[in-house]
Amino acid sequence: MELKNLTKNIYNGFLDMIYKKKCLICGCSKTDDLLCKTCLKDVQFLSYFAHKFYEKIPIYSATIYDKNVKSLIQMLKFKHKKSAAKPLSNILFSYFKKLNLKDDYIIVYPPSFFIKSAQRGYNHMFLIAKEFSKLTDFKINKNLIKKIKPTKPQYKVKDRRKNIKGSFKINQKELLKLKDKKLLLIDDITTSGATLEEIINCFLKLNFNNITCLTISKTK
């Protein structure tokens, strides 16, 4: 396994030498980053405390959903730019470090309905969770939360809570394995908070509340 990883790292390094990385926003390759330092300066980070509590569960948001963060999220969700997951996870990690939360978490996320994932070809939140896991060394559990019915995109509906109601289910066998663990529920955007609150409600019905929520961005 170690030899395989070493070979993979050498190969990826070789590709980076040939195809220098370019900023996804401005296209420059000066810093060899997918989000250059100049474009990172336009990211509006938020204060380092919970911006909302739902049933005593803290919900943190790293940035304002605007400008470069908005562009990266839209690239990932709608333009098949899977590479955007990395700078987004970097932004999330940069914020998370300053929260000074010392716990060892299990990463979970709101999954897409299986038809949506098939149409897109990937689950965008899993890609972000995967990159975030590399930065934190937290494990991911992708089987704990299931989306059991399709919903309309939240930005297209007026009643977000009605739209998302009953669309998630918790795998109780998986939850039993994690009964003594702390969950870090991550998402890309929060507007009304309906998605996170619906998932939290699913956990509360099973008498589990050891959850911290963290989103990349929140709308103004």
N, C-alpha and C. Protein backbone atom coordinates (compact mmCIF):
# COMPACT_ATOMS: atom_id res chain seq x y z
N MET A 1 0.84 -1.21 0.00
CA MET A 1 0.00 0.00 0.00
C MET A 1 0.87 1.26 0.00
N GLU A 2 1.95 1.25 0.82
CA GLU A 2 2.84 2.41 0.89
C GLU A 2 3.53 2.66 -0.46
N LEU A 3 3.95 1.56 -1.11
CA LEU A 3 4.60 1.69 -2.42
C LEU A 3 3.62 2.25 -3.45
N LYS A 4 2.37 1.79 -3.37
CA LYS A 4 1.34 2.28 -4.28
C LYS A 4 1.12 3.77 -4.10
N ASN A 5 1.03 4.22 -2.84
CA ASN A 5 0.83 5.64 -2.56
C ASN A 5 2.03 6.48 -2.99
N LEU A 6 3.24 5.94 -2.79
CA LEU A 6 4.44 6.64 -3.20
C LEU A 6 4.47 6.81 -4.71
N THR A 7 4.13 5.76 -5.42
CA THR A 7 4.08 5.81 -6.89
C THR A 7 3.06 6.83 -7.36
N LYS A 8 1.91 6.84 -6.70
CA LYS A 8 0.85 7.78 -7.05
C LYS A 8 1.29 9.21 -6.81
N ASN A 9 1.98 9.47 -5.69
CA ASN A 9 2.45 10.82 -5.37
C ASN A 9 3.50 11.30 -6.36
N ILE A 10 4.39 10.39 -6.76
CA ILE A 10 5.42 10.74 -7.74
C ILE A 10 4.77 11.07 -9.08
N TYR A 11 3.77 10.25 -9.45
CA TYR A 11 3.06 10.46 -10.72
C TYR A 11 2.33 11.79 -10.71
N ASN A 12 1.62 12.08 -9.60
CA ASN A 12 0.89 13.35 -9.50
C ASN A 12 1.84 14.54 -9.50
N GLY A 13 2.99 14.38 -8.83
CA GLY A 13 3.99 15.45 -8.84
C GLY A 13 4.53 15.71 -10.23
N PHE A 14 4.72 14.62 -10.99
CA PHE A 14 5.20 14.74 -12.38
C PHE A 14 4.18 15.49 -13.24
N LEU A 15 2.89 15.15 -13.04
CA LEU A 15 1.84 15.84 -13.79
C LEU A 15 1.78 17.32 -13.43
N ASP A 16 1.98 17.63 -12.14
CA ASP A 16 1.97 19.03 -11.71
C ASP A 16 3.11 19.82 -12.35
N MET A 17 4.24 19.16 -12.56
CA MET A 17 5.37 19.83 -13.20
C MET A 17 5.06 20.16 -14.65
N ILE A 18 4.35 19.24 -15.32
CA ILE A 18 4.03 19.45 -16.74
C ILE A 18 2.86 20.40 -16.89
N TYR A 19 1.81 20.11 -16.13
CA TYR A 19 0.60 20.93 -16.23
C TYR A 19 0.47 21.75 -14.96
N LYS A 20 1.06 22.90 -14.94
CA LYS A 20 1.05 23.74 -13.74
C LYS A 20 -0.38 24.13 -13.41
N LYS A 21 -0.73 24.02 -12.14
CA LYS A 21 -2.09 24.34 -11.72
C LYS A 21 -2.41 25.81 -11.94
N LYS A 22 -3.65 26.06 -12.31
CA LYS A 22 -4.10 27.43 -12.51
C LYS A 22 -5.25 27.74 -11.56
N CYS A 23 -5.31 28.97 -11.14
CA CYS A 23 -6.41 29.42 -10.29
C CYS A 23 -7.72 29.25 -11.04
N LEU A 24 -8.69 28.63 -10.39
CA LEU A 24 -9.98 28.40 -11.03
C LEU A 24 -10.76 29.68 -11.26
N ILE A 25 -10.43 30.73 -10.52
CA ILE A 25 -11.16 31.99 -10.65
C ILE A 25 -10.55 32.88 -11.73
N CYS A 26 -9.25 33.19 -11.60
CA CYS A 26 -8.64 34.15 -12.53
C CYS A 26 -7.75 33.50 -13.59
N GLY A 27 -7.43 32.22 -13.40
CA GLY A 27 -6.64 31.51 -14.40
C GLY A 27 -5.14 31.67 -14.29
N CYS A 28 -4.65 32.43 -13.30
CA CYS A 28 -3.21 32.62 -13.17
C CYS A 28 -2.55 31.37 -12.59
N SER A 29 -1.27 31.21 -12.84
CA SER A 29 -0.54 30.04 -12.33
C SER A 29 0.69 30.46 -11.53
N LYS A 30 0.65 31.68 -11.01
CA LYS A 30 1.81 32.21 -10.28
C LYS A 30 2.10 31.43 -9.00
N THR A 31 1.06 31.04 -8.29
CA THR A 31 1.26 30.37 -7.00
C THR A 31 1.00 28.87 -7.06
N ASP A 32 0.65 28.36 -8.24
CA ASP A 32 0.39 26.93 -8.40
C ASP A 32 -0.73 26.46 -7.48
N ASP A 33 -1.74 27.33 -7.28
CA ASP A 33 -2.88 26.99 -6.45
C ASP A 33 -4.16 27.04 -7.26
N LEU A 34 -5.16 26.25 -6.84
CA LEU A 34 -6.45 26.29 -7.50
C LEU A 34 -7.26 27.52 -7.09
N LEU A 35 -6.81 28.18 -6.05
CA LEU A 35 -7.35 29.49 -5.68
C LEU A 35 -6.15 30.33 -5.27
N CYS A 36 -5.77 31.27 -6.11
CA CYS A 36 -4.56 32.05 -5.86
C CYS A 36 -4.75 32.99 -4.67
N LYS A 37 -3.65 33.52 -4.17
CA LYS A 37 -3.69 34.37 -2.98
C LYS A 37 -4.50 35.64 -3.21
N THR A 38 -4.43 36.16 -4.43
CA THR A 38 -5.20 37.38 -4.75
C THR A 38 -6.69 37.10 -4.69
N CYS A 39 -7.12 35.98 -5.27
CA CYS A 39 -8.54 35.64 -5.27
C CYS A 39 -9.01 35.22 -3.88
N LEU A 40 -8.11 34.64 -3.09
CA LEU A 40 -8.45 34.26 -1.72
C LEU A 40 -8.75 35.49 -0.87
N LYS A 41 -8.10 36.62 -1.20
CA LYS A 41 -8.33 37.85 -0.43
C LYS A 41 -9.76 38.34 -0.55
N ASP A 42 -10.45 37.96 -1.63
CA ASP A 42 -11.83 38.39 -1.82
C ASP A 42 -12.84 37.52 -1.06
N VAL A 43 -12.36 36.47 -0.44
CA VAL A 43 -13.25 35.61 0.35
C VAL A 43 -13.57 36.32 1.67
N GLN A 44 -14.85 36.44 1.96
CA GLN A 44 -15.29 37.15 3.16
C GLN A 44 -15.51 36.17 4.31
N PHE A 45 -14.48 35.98 5.13
CA PHE A 45 -14.59 35.08 6.26
C PHE A 45 -15.45 35.70 7.35
N LEU A 46 -16.17 34.84 8.05
CA LEU A 46 -17.05 35.28 9.12
C LEU A 46 -16.38 35.09 10.48
N SER A 47 -17.01 35.60 11.51
CA SER A 47 -16.45 35.53 12.86
C SER A 47 -16.42 34.09 13.36
N TYR A 48 -15.53 33.86 14.34
CA TYR A 48 -15.25 32.50 14.77
C TYR A 48 -16.08 32.09 15.99
N PHE A 49 -17.38 32.18 15.82
CA PHE A 49 -18.29 31.65 16.84
C PHE A 49 -19.54 31.15 16.12
N ALA A 50 -20.33 30.37 16.83
CA ALA A 50 -21.54 29.81 16.21
C ALA A 50 -22.48 30.94 15.81
N HIS A 51 -22.92 30.90 14.56
CA HIS A 51 -23.80 31.95 14.05
C HIS A 51 -25.27 31.63 14.30
N LYS A 52 -25.50 30.40 14.74
CA LYS A 52 -26.87 29.99 15.02
C LYS A 52 -26.83 28.74 15.89
N PHE A 53 -27.85 28.56 16.70
CA PHE A 53 -28.03 27.32 17.44
C PHE A 53 -29.40 26.76 17.09
N TYR A 54 -29.44 25.46 16.86
CA TYR A 54 -30.73 24.80 16.65
C TYR A 54 -30.80 23.62 17.61
N GLU A 55 -31.76 23.65 18.50
CA GLU A 55 -31.88 22.63 19.55
C GLU A 55 -30.55 22.46 20.29
N LYS A 56 -29.93 23.59 20.59
CA LYS A 56 -28.66 23.67 21.32
C LYS A 56 -27.45 23.15 20.52
N ILE A 57 -27.66 22.85 19.26
CA ILE A 57 -26.57 22.38 18.41
C ILE A 57 -26.00 23.56 17.63
N PRO A 58 -24.68 23.81 17.74
CA PRO A 58 -24.09 24.98 17.08
C PRO A 58 -23.95 24.81 15.57
N ILE A 59 -24.21 25.89 14.86
CA ILE A 59 -24.03 25.91 13.41
C ILE A 59 -23.08 27.05 13.08
N TYR A 60 -21.91 26.68 12.55
CA TYR A 60 -20.88 27.65 12.14
C TYR A 60 -20.89 27.78 10.62
N SER A 61 -20.60 28.98 10.15
CA SER A 61 -20.43 29.20 8.71
C SER A 61 -19.14 29.96 8.48
N ALA A 62 -18.33 29.47 7.55
CA ALA A 62 -16.99 30.02 7.36
C ALA A 62 -16.98 31.35 6.61
N THR A 63 -17.83 31.48 5.59
CA THR A 63 -17.76 32.65 4.71
C THR A 63 -19.15 33.11 4.29
N ILE A 64 -19.16 34.27 3.65
CA ILE A 64 -20.37 34.75 2.99
C ILE A 64 -20.46 34.12 1.60
N TYR A 65 -21.65 33.67 1.22
CA TYR A 65 -21.87 33.09 -0.11
C TYR A 65 -21.91 34.21 -1.14
N ASP A 66 -20.74 34.56 -1.64
CA ASP A 66 -20.63 35.69 -2.55
C ASP A 66 -19.32 35.57 -3.32
N LYS A 67 -19.23 36.26 -4.42
CA LYS A 67 -18.01 36.39 -5.21
C LYS A 67 -17.32 35.05 -5.46
N ASN A 68 -16.08 34.90 -5.01
CA ASN A 68 -15.28 33.74 -5.38
C ASN A 68 -15.76 32.44 -4.75
N VAL A 69 -16.28 32.50 -3.53
CA VAL A 69 -16.83 31.30 -2.91
C VAL A 69 -18.06 30.84 -3.69
N LYS A 70 -18.91 31.75 -4.03
CA LYS A 70 -20.10 31.44 -4.83
C LYS A 70 -19.70 30.82 -6.17
N SER A 71 -18.69 31.39 -6.82
CA SER A 71 -18.23 30.87 -8.11
C SER A 71 -17.70 29.44 -7.98
N LEU A 72 -16.92 29.18 -6.95
CA LEU A 72 -16.36 27.84 -6.75
C LEU A 72 -17.45 26.80 -6.49
N ILE A 73 -18.41 27.16 -5.66
CA ILE A 73 -19.51 26.23 -5.36
C ILE A 73 -20.32 25.94 -6.62
N GLN A 74 -20.59 26.96 -7.40
CA GLN A 74 -21.35 26.76 -8.64
C GLN A 74 -20.57 25.95 -9.66
N MET A 75 -19.26 26.14 -9.70
CA MET A 75 -18.41 25.32 -10.58
C MET A 75 -18.54 23.84 -10.22
N LEU A 76 -18.49 23.57 -8.93
CA LEU A 76 -18.53 22.19 -8.45
C LEU A 76 -19.90 21.56 -8.66
N LYS A 77 -20.97 22.31 -8.39
CA LYS A 77 -22.31 21.76 -8.43
C LYS A 77 -22.92 21.71 -9.82
N PHE A 78 -22.60 22.71 -10.64
CA PHE A 78 -23.31 22.85 -11.90
C PHE A 78 -22.44 22.77 -13.16
N LYS A 79 -21.12 22.89 -13.00
CA LYS A 79 -20.25 22.94 -14.17
C LYS A 79 -19.24 21.79 -14.23
N HIS A 80 -19.44 20.79 -13.37
CA HIS A 80 -18.62 19.56 -13.37
C HIS A 80 -17.14 19.83 -13.14
N LYS A 81 -16.83 20.90 -12.42
CA LYS A 81 -15.44 21.20 -12.06
C LYS A 81 -15.15 20.56 -10.70
N LYS A 82 -14.85 19.27 -10.73
CA LYS A 82 -14.61 18.55 -9.48
C LYS A 82 -13.40 19.09 -8.71
N SER A 83 -12.47 19.70 -9.43
CA SER A 83 -11.28 20.25 -8.79
C SER A 83 -11.61 21.38 -7.83
N ALA A 84 -12.81 21.99 -7.96
CA ALA A 84 -13.21 23.08 -7.06
C ALA A 84 -13.41 22.59 -5.63
N ALA A 85 -13.56 21.28 -5.45
CA ALA A 85 -13.73 20.75 -4.10
C ALA A 85 -12.51 21.03 -3.22
N LYS A 86 -11.34 21.05 -3.83
CA LYS A 86 -10.12 21.24 -3.04
C LYS A 86 -10.01 22.65 -2.46
N PRO A 87 -10.12 23.72 -3.25
CA PRO A 87 -10.04 25.05 -2.63
C PRO A 87 -11.19 25.31 -1.65
N LEU A 88 -12.35 24.74 -1.92
CA LEU A 88 -13.46 24.91 -0.99
C LEU A 88 -13.17 24.24 0.35
N SER A 89 -12.58 23.05 0.31
CA SER A 89 -12.22 22.38 1.55
C SER A 89 -11.10 23.11 2.27
N ASN A 90 -10.19 23.72 1.50
CA ASN A 90 -9.11 24.51 2.10
C ASN A 90 -9.67 25.71 2.85
N ILE A 91 -10.66 26.36 2.25
CA ILE A 91 -11.32 27.50 2.89
C ILE A 91 -12.00 27.05 4.19
N LEU A 92 -12.69 25.92 4.11
CA LEU A 92 -13.39 25.39 5.28
C LEU A 92 -12.39 25.03 6.39
N PHE A 93 -11.28 24.42 6.00
CA PHE A 93 -10.27 24.02 6.98
C PHE A 93 -9.60 25.23 7.62
N SER A 94 -9.34 26.25 6.81
CA SER A 94 -8.72 27.46 7.33
C SER A 94 -9.58 28.08 8.43
N TYR A 95 -10.89 28.07 8.21
CA TYR A 95 -11.83 28.58 9.22
C TYR A 95 -11.91 27.65 10.41
N PHE A 96 -12.02 26.35 10.14
CA PHE A 96 -12.19 25.37 11.21
C PHE A 96 -11.03 25.40 12.21
N LYS A 97 -9.82 25.56 11.71
CA LYS A 97 -8.64 25.61 12.59
C LYS A 97 -8.76 26.70 13.64
N LYS A 98 -9.35 27.83 13.26
CA LYS A 98 -9.43 28.96 14.18
C LYS A 98 -10.59 28.84 15.17
N LEU A 99 -11.44 27.84 14.97
CA LEU A 99 -12.50 27.61 15.94
C LEU A 99 -11.95 26.95 17.20
N ASN A 100 -10.79 26.33 17.04
CA ASN A 100 -10.11 25.72 18.20
C ASN A 100 -10.96 24.63 18.85
N LEU A 101 -11.67 23.87 18.02
CA LEU A 101 -12.45 22.74 18.51
C LEU A 101 -11.52 21.53 18.59
N LYS A 102 -11.36 20.98 19.76
CA LYS A 102 -10.33 19.96 19.99
C LYS A 102 -10.83 18.53 19.81
N ASP A 103 -12.11 18.35 19.54
CA ASP A 103 -12.66 17.00 19.48
C ASP A 103 -12.23 16.26 18.22
N ASP A 104 -12.30 14.95 18.31
CA ASP A 104 -12.05 14.08 17.16
C ASP A 104 -13.40 13.72 16.56
N TYR A 105 -13.68 14.24 15.39
CA TYR A 105 -15.01 14.11 14.81
C TYR A 105 -15.08 13.02 13.74
N ILE A 106 -16.30 12.60 13.46
CA ILE A 106 -16.62 11.82 12.28
C ILE A 106 -17.35 12.77 11.33
N ILE A 107 -16.86 12.87 10.10
CA ILE A 107 -17.46 13.78 9.12
C ILE A 107 -18.67 13.13 8.46
N VAL A 108 -19.78 13.87 8.46
CA VAL A 108 -20.97 13.45 7.71
C VAL A 108 -21.45 14.66 6.91
N TYR A 109 -22.34 14.43 5.97
CA TYR A 109 -22.79 15.51 5.08
C TYR A 109 -24.17 15.17 4.51
N PRO A 110 -24.93 16.16 4.05
CA PRO A 110 -26.21 15.88 3.41
C PRO A 110 -25.97 15.23 2.04
N PRO A 111 -26.37 13.99 1.86
CA PRO A 111 -26.16 13.34 0.57
C PRO A 111 -27.18 13.80 -0.46
N SER A 112 -26.85 13.64 -1.72
CA SER A 112 -27.79 13.89 -2.80
C SER A 112 -28.66 12.65 -2.99
N PHE A 113 -29.83 12.84 -3.57
CA PHE A 113 -30.65 11.69 -3.96
C PHE A 113 -29.90 10.94 -5.05
N PHE A 114 -30.01 9.61 -5.07
CA PHE A 114 -29.15 8.80 -5.93
C PHE A 114 -29.30 9.15 -7.42
N ILE A 115 -30.49 9.56 -7.82
CA ILE A 115 -30.68 9.94 -9.23
C ILE A 115 -29.90 11.21 -9.55
N LYS A 116 -29.91 12.17 -8.62
CA LYS A 116 -29.17 13.41 -8.80
C LYS A 116 -27.67 13.14 -8.88
N SER A 117 -27.17 12.27 -8.02
CA SER A 117 -25.75 11.93 -8.06
C SER A 117 -25.38 11.25 -9.37
N ALA A 118 -26.29 10.40 -9.86
CA ALA A 118 -26.04 9.70 -11.13
C ALA A 118 -26.02 10.68 -12.30
N GLN A 119 -26.93 11.65 -12.26
CA GLN A 119 -26.98 12.65 -13.33
C GLN A 119 -25.73 13.52 -13.34
N ARG A 120 -25.27 13.91 -12.17
CA ARG A 120 -24.08 14.75 -12.06
C ARG A 120 -22.82 13.94 -12.28
N GLY A 121 -22.86 12.68 -11.89
CA GLY A 121 -21.70 11.81 -12.03
C GLY A 121 -20.87 11.72 -10.76
N TYR A 122 -21.26 12.45 -9.73
CA TYR A 122 -20.56 12.44 -8.45
C TYR A 122 -21.42 13.15 -7.42
N ASN A 123 -21.10 12.94 -6.16
CA ASN A 123 -21.75 13.64 -5.06
C ASN A 123 -20.83 14.77 -4.63
N HIS A 124 -21.23 15.99 -4.88
CA HIS A 124 -20.32 17.12 -4.67
C HIS A 124 -19.91 17.27 -3.20
N MET A 125 -20.82 16.97 -2.28
CA MET A 125 -20.46 17.11 -0.87
C MET A 125 -19.50 16.01 -0.41
N PHE A 126 -19.58 14.85 -1.03
CA PHE A 126 -18.60 13.81 -0.70
C PHE A 126 -17.20 14.23 -1.12
N LEU A 127 -17.08 14.90 -2.27
CA LEU A 127 -15.78 15.37 -2.74
C LEU A 127 -15.19 16.38 -1.75
N ILE A 128 -16.02 17.28 -1.26
CA ILE A 128 -15.56 18.26 -0.27
C ILE A 128 -15.18 17.55 1.03
N ALA A 129 -16.02 16.62 1.47
CA ALA A 129 -15.75 15.87 2.70
C ALA A 129 -14.44 15.09 2.59
N LYS A 130 -14.20 14.52 1.42
CA LYS A 130 -12.98 13.74 1.19
C LYS A 130 -11.74 14.61 1.33
N GLU A 131 -11.77 15.80 0.72
CA GLU A 131 -10.63 16.72 0.81
C GLU A 131 -10.47 17.25 2.23
N PHE A 132 -11.58 17.52 2.88
CA PHE A 132 -11.54 18.02 4.26
C PHE A 132 -10.99 16.95 5.20
N SER A 133 -11.32 15.70 4.93
CA SER A 133 -10.82 14.59 5.72
C SER A 133 -9.30 14.48 5.63
N LYS A 134 -8.75 14.74 4.46
CA LYS A 134 -7.30 14.70 4.28
C LYS A 134 -6.61 15.77 5.14
N LEU A 135 -7.27 16.90 5.28
CA LEU A 135 -6.68 18.01 6.02
C LEU A 135 -6.80 17.84 7.54
N THR A 136 -7.85 17.17 7.97
CA THR A 136 -8.12 17.05 9.41
C THR A 136 -7.76 15.68 9.99
N ASP A 137 -7.65 14.70 9.13
CA ASP A 137 -7.49 13.29 9.55
C ASP A 137 -8.75 12.74 10.20
N PHE A 138 -9.88 13.45 10.07
CA PHE A 138 -11.14 12.92 10.55
C PHE A 138 -11.67 11.89 9.53
N LYS A 139 -12.27 10.84 10.03
CA LYS A 139 -12.86 9.85 9.14
C LYS A 139 -14.22 10.33 8.63
N ILE A 140 -14.60 9.82 7.46
CA ILE A 140 -15.91 10.13 6.88
C ILE A 140 -16.81 8.92 7.04
N ASN A 141 -18.08 9.16 7.35
CA ASN A 141 -19.08 8.10 7.28
C ASN A 141 -20.10 8.51 6.22
N LYS A 142 -20.06 7.82 5.09
CA LYS A 142 -20.97 8.18 3.99
C LYS A 142 -22.23 7.32 3.96
N ASN A 143 -22.38 6.46 4.97
CA ASN A 143 -23.54 5.57 5.01
C ASN A 143 -24.53 5.92 6.11
N LEU A 144 -24.18 6.92 6.92
CA LEU A 144 -25.03 7.24 8.08
C LEU A 144 -26.31 7.97 7.68
N ILE A 145 -26.19 8.94 6.79
CA ILE A 145 -27.35 9.74 6.37
C ILE A 145 -27.72 9.35 4.95
N LYS A 146 -28.98 9.05 4.74
CA LYS A 146 -29.47 8.70 3.41
C LYS A 146 -30.55 9.69 2.98
N LYS A 147 -30.52 10.06 1.71
CA LYS A 147 -31.61 10.87 1.17
C LYS A 147 -32.58 9.92 0.49
N ILE A 148 -33.79 9.87 0.99
CA ILE A 148 -34.73 8.83 0.58
C ILE A 148 -35.78 9.31 -0.42
N LYS A 149 -35.79 10.60 -0.72
CA LYS A 149 -36.73 11.07 -1.75
C LYS A 149 -36.15 12.30 -2.42
N PRO A 150 -36.50 12.51 -3.68
CA PRO A 150 -35.98 13.69 -4.39
C PRO A 150 -36.64 14.97 -3.90
N THR A 151 -35.93 16.06 -4.00
CA THR A 151 -36.47 17.37 -3.65
C THR A 151 -36.08 18.37 -4.73
N LYS A 152 -36.79 19.45 -4.78
CA LYS A 152 -36.41 20.53 -5.69
C LYS A 152 -35.21 21.26 -5.08
N PRO A 153 -34.35 21.85 -5.93
CA PRO A 153 -33.25 22.65 -5.36
C PRO A 153 -33.80 23.70 -4.41
N GLN A 154 -33.17 23.84 -3.25
CA GLN A 154 -33.69 24.70 -2.20
C GLN A 154 -33.83 26.16 -2.66
N TYR A 155 -32.93 26.61 -3.54
CA TYR A 155 -33.00 28.01 -3.97
C TYR A 155 -34.18 28.27 -4.89
N LYS A 156 -34.85 27.21 -5.36
CA LYS A 156 -35.97 27.38 -6.29
C LYS A 156 -37.33 27.38 -5.60
N VAL A 157 -37.36 27.14 -4.30
CA VAL A 157 -38.65 27.04 -3.62
C VAL A 157 -38.76 28.09 -2.51
N LYS A 158 -39.98 28.50 -2.23
CA LYS A 158 -40.23 29.48 -1.18
C LYS A 158 -40.25 28.82 0.19
N ASP A 159 -40.93 27.67 0.28
CA ASP A 159 -41.04 26.98 1.56
C ASP A 159 -39.98 25.88 1.61
N ARG A 160 -38.79 26.24 2.06
CA ARG A 160 -37.67 25.30 2.06
C ARG A 160 -37.90 24.15 3.03
N ARG A 161 -38.51 24.43 4.17
CA ARG A 161 -38.72 23.38 5.17
C ARG A 161 -39.72 22.34 4.67
N LYS A 162 -40.76 22.79 3.99
CA LYS A 162 -41.74 21.87 3.42
C LYS A 162 -41.10 21.02 2.33
N ASN A 163 -40.25 21.64 1.53
CA ASN A 163 -39.59 20.95 0.42
C ASN A 163 -38.67 19.83 0.91
N ILE A 164 -37.97 20.07 2.02
CA ILE A 164 -36.95 19.13 2.49
C ILE A 164 -37.51 18.14 3.52
N LYS A 165 -38.72 18.39 3.99
CA LYS A 165 -39.33 17.58 5.04
C LYS A 165 -39.40 16.10 4.65
N GLY A 166 -38.90 15.23 5.54
CA GLY A 166 -39.01 13.80 5.33
C GLY A 166 -38.11 13.22 4.25
N SER A 167 -37.12 13.99 3.83
CA SER A 167 -36.28 13.52 2.71
C SER A 167 -35.01 12.79 3.17
N PHE A 168 -34.72 12.83 4.48
CA PHE A 168 -33.52 12.16 4.99
C PHE A 168 -33.89 11.06 5.99
N LYS A 169 -33.02 10.08 6.07
CA LYS A 169 -33.20 8.99 7.03
C LYS A 169 -31.84 8.61 7.59
N ILE A 170 -31.79 8.30 8.88
CA ILE A 170 -30.55 7.90 9.53
C ILE A 170 -30.46 6.37 9.57
N ASN A 171 -29.31 5.85 9.17
CA ASN A 171 -29.05 4.42 9.24
C ASN A 171 -28.76 4.07 10.71
N GLN A 172 -29.72 3.42 11.35
CA GLN A 172 -29.61 3.19 12.79
C GLN A 172 -28.48 2.23 13.16
N LYS A 173 -28.19 1.27 12.28
CA LYS A 173 -27.08 0.35 12.55
C LYS A 173 -25.75 1.10 12.56
N GLU A 174 -25.60 2.04 11.62
CA GLU A 174 -24.39 2.85 11.58
C GLU A 174 -24.30 3.76 12.79
N LEU A 175 -25.46 4.29 13.20
CA LEU A 175 -25.47 5.20 14.34
C LEU A 175 -25.06 4.48 15.63
N LEU A 176 -25.45 3.23 15.77
CA LEU A 176 -25.07 2.46 16.96
C LEU A 176 -23.55 2.32 17.06
N LYS A 177 -22.90 2.22 15.92
CA LYS A 177 -21.43 2.12 15.91
C LYS A 177 -20.78 3.43 16.35
N LEU A 178 -21.53 4.53 16.20
CA LEU A 178 -20.98 5.86 16.46
C LEU A 178 -21.57 6.52 17.69
N LYS A 179 -22.22 5.73 18.54
CA LYS A 179 -22.97 6.30 19.66
C LYS A 179 -22.10 7.11 20.61
N ASP A 180 -20.79 6.79 20.68
CA ASP A 180 -19.89 7.52 21.57
C ASP A 180 -19.02 8.52 20.81
N LYS A 181 -19.32 8.74 19.53
CA LYS A 181 -18.54 9.64 18.70
C LYS A 181 -19.22 11.00 18.57
N LYS A 182 -18.44 11.97 18.10
CA LYS A 182 -18.99 13.29 17.81
C LYS A 182 -19.02 13.49 16.30
N LEU A 183 -20.14 13.99 15.81
CA LEU A 183 -20.31 14.17 14.37
C LEU A 183 -20.06 15.62 13.98
N LEU A 184 -19.37 15.80 12.86
CA LEU A 184 -19.22 17.12 12.25
C LEU A 184 -20.02 17.09 10.95
N LEU A 185 -21.16 17.72 10.98
CA LEU A 185 -22.05 17.76 9.82
C LEU A 185 -21.70 18.96 8.96
N ILE A 186 -21.15 18.71 7.77
CA ILE A 186 -20.71 19.80 6.91
C ILE A 186 -21.64 19.96 5.71
N ASP A 187 -21.75 21.18 5.22
CA ASP A 187 -22.55 21.46 4.03
C ASP A 187 -21.93 22.64 3.30
N ASP A 188 -22.38 22.87 2.07
CA ASP A 188 -21.78 23.95 1.28
C ASP A 188 -22.40 25.31 1.60
N ILE A 189 -23.72 25.39 1.63
CA ILE A 189 -24.40 26.67 1.84
C ILE A 189 -25.52 26.51 2.86
N THR A 190 -25.72 27.51 3.69
CA THR A 190 -26.92 27.57 4.50
C THR A 190 -27.62 28.90 4.23
N THR A 191 -28.91 28.82 4.03
CA THR A 191 -29.73 30.02 3.82
C THR A 191 -30.72 30.16 4.97
N SER A 192 -31.75 29.33 4.94
CA SER A 192 -32.71 29.31 6.05
C SER A 192 -32.27 28.33 7.14
N GLY A 193 -31.37 27.41 6.79
CA GLY A 193 -30.96 26.38 7.73
C GLY A 193 -31.86 25.15 7.69
N ALA A 194 -32.78 25.11 6.72
CA ALA A 194 -33.78 24.03 6.68
C ALA A 194 -33.17 22.65 6.51
N THR A 195 -32.16 22.53 5.66
CA THR A 195 -31.55 21.21 5.41
C THR A 195 -30.87 20.68 6.67
N LEU A 196 -30.03 21.50 7.29
CA LEU A 196 -29.34 21.07 8.50
C LEU A 196 -30.33 20.76 9.62
N GLU A 197 -31.34 21.58 9.76
CA GLU A 197 -32.33 21.37 10.82
C GLU A 197 -33.11 20.08 10.60
N GLU A 198 -33.42 19.77 9.35
CA GLU A 198 -34.13 18.52 9.05
C GLU A 198 -33.28 17.31 9.42
N ILE A 199 -31.99 17.37 9.11
CA ILE A 199 -31.10 16.26 9.47
C ILE A 199 -30.93 16.16 10.98
N ILE A 200 -30.77 17.31 11.63
CA ILE A 200 -30.65 17.32 13.10
C ILE A 200 -31.90 16.69 13.72
N ASN A 201 -33.07 17.02 13.20
CA ASN A 201 -34.31 16.45 13.72
C ASN A 201 -34.32 14.92 13.60
N CYS A 202 -33.78 14.42 12.50
CA CYS A 202 -33.70 12.96 12.31
C CYS A 202 -32.84 12.32 13.39
N PHE A 203 -31.74 12.97 13.74
CA PHE A 203 -30.88 12.46 14.81
C PHE A 203 -31.56 12.56 16.18
N LEU A 204 -32.22 13.68 16.42
CA LEU A 204 -32.87 13.89 17.72
C LEU A 204 -33.96 12.86 17.98
N LYS A 205 -34.64 12.43 16.93
CA LYS A 205 -35.68 11.40 17.08
C LYS A 205 -35.08 10.08 17.56
N LEU A 206 -33.79 9.92 17.30
CA LEU A 206 -33.08 8.71 17.73
C LEU A 206 -32.25 8.98 18.98
N ASN A 207 -32.55 10.11 19.64
CA ASN A 207 -31.89 10.49 20.91
C ASN A 207 -30.38 10.68 20.76
N PHE A 208 -29.98 11.22 19.62
CA PHE A 208 -28.56 11.52 19.40
C PHE A 208 -28.43 13.02 19.10
N ASN A 209 -27.57 13.69 19.87
CA ASN A 209 -27.41 15.13 19.66
C ASN A 209 -25.95 15.59 19.71
N ASN A 210 -25.02 14.64 19.60
CA ASN A 210 -23.60 14.99 19.69
C ASN A 210 -23.10 15.45 18.32
N ILE A 211 -23.56 16.62 17.92
CA ILE A 211 -23.36 17.12 16.56
C ILE A 211 -22.87 18.56 16.58
N THR A 212 -21.94 18.87 15.71
CA THR A 212 -21.55 20.25 15.41
C THR A 212 -21.73 20.43 13.91
N CYS A 213 -22.33 21.54 13.51
CA CYS A 213 -22.57 21.81 12.09
C CYS A 213 -21.60 22.88 11.59
N LEU A 214 -21.12 22.68 10.38
CA LEU A 214 -20.15 23.59 9.79
C LEU A 214 -20.42 23.70 8.30
N THR A 215 -20.69 24.92 7.83
CA THR A 215 -20.92 25.12 6.39
C THR A 215 -19.82 26.01 5.81
N ILE A 216 -19.58 25.82 4.54
CA ILE A 216 -18.58 26.65 3.85
C ILE A 216 -19.05 28.10 3.80
N SER A 217 -20.35 28.29 3.58
CA SER A 217 -20.85 29.65 3.39
C SER A 217 -22.28 29.79 3.89
N LYS A 218 -22.66 31.05 4.08
CA LYS A 218 -24.05 31.37 4.36
C LYS A 218 -24.44 32.59 3.54
N THR A 219 -25.69 32.61 3.13
CA THR A 219 -26.17 33.74 2.34
C THR A 219 -26.30 34.97 3.22
N LYS A 220 -26.27 36.13 2.57
CA LYS A 220 -26.34 37.38 3.32
C LYS A 220 -27.71 37.54 3.94
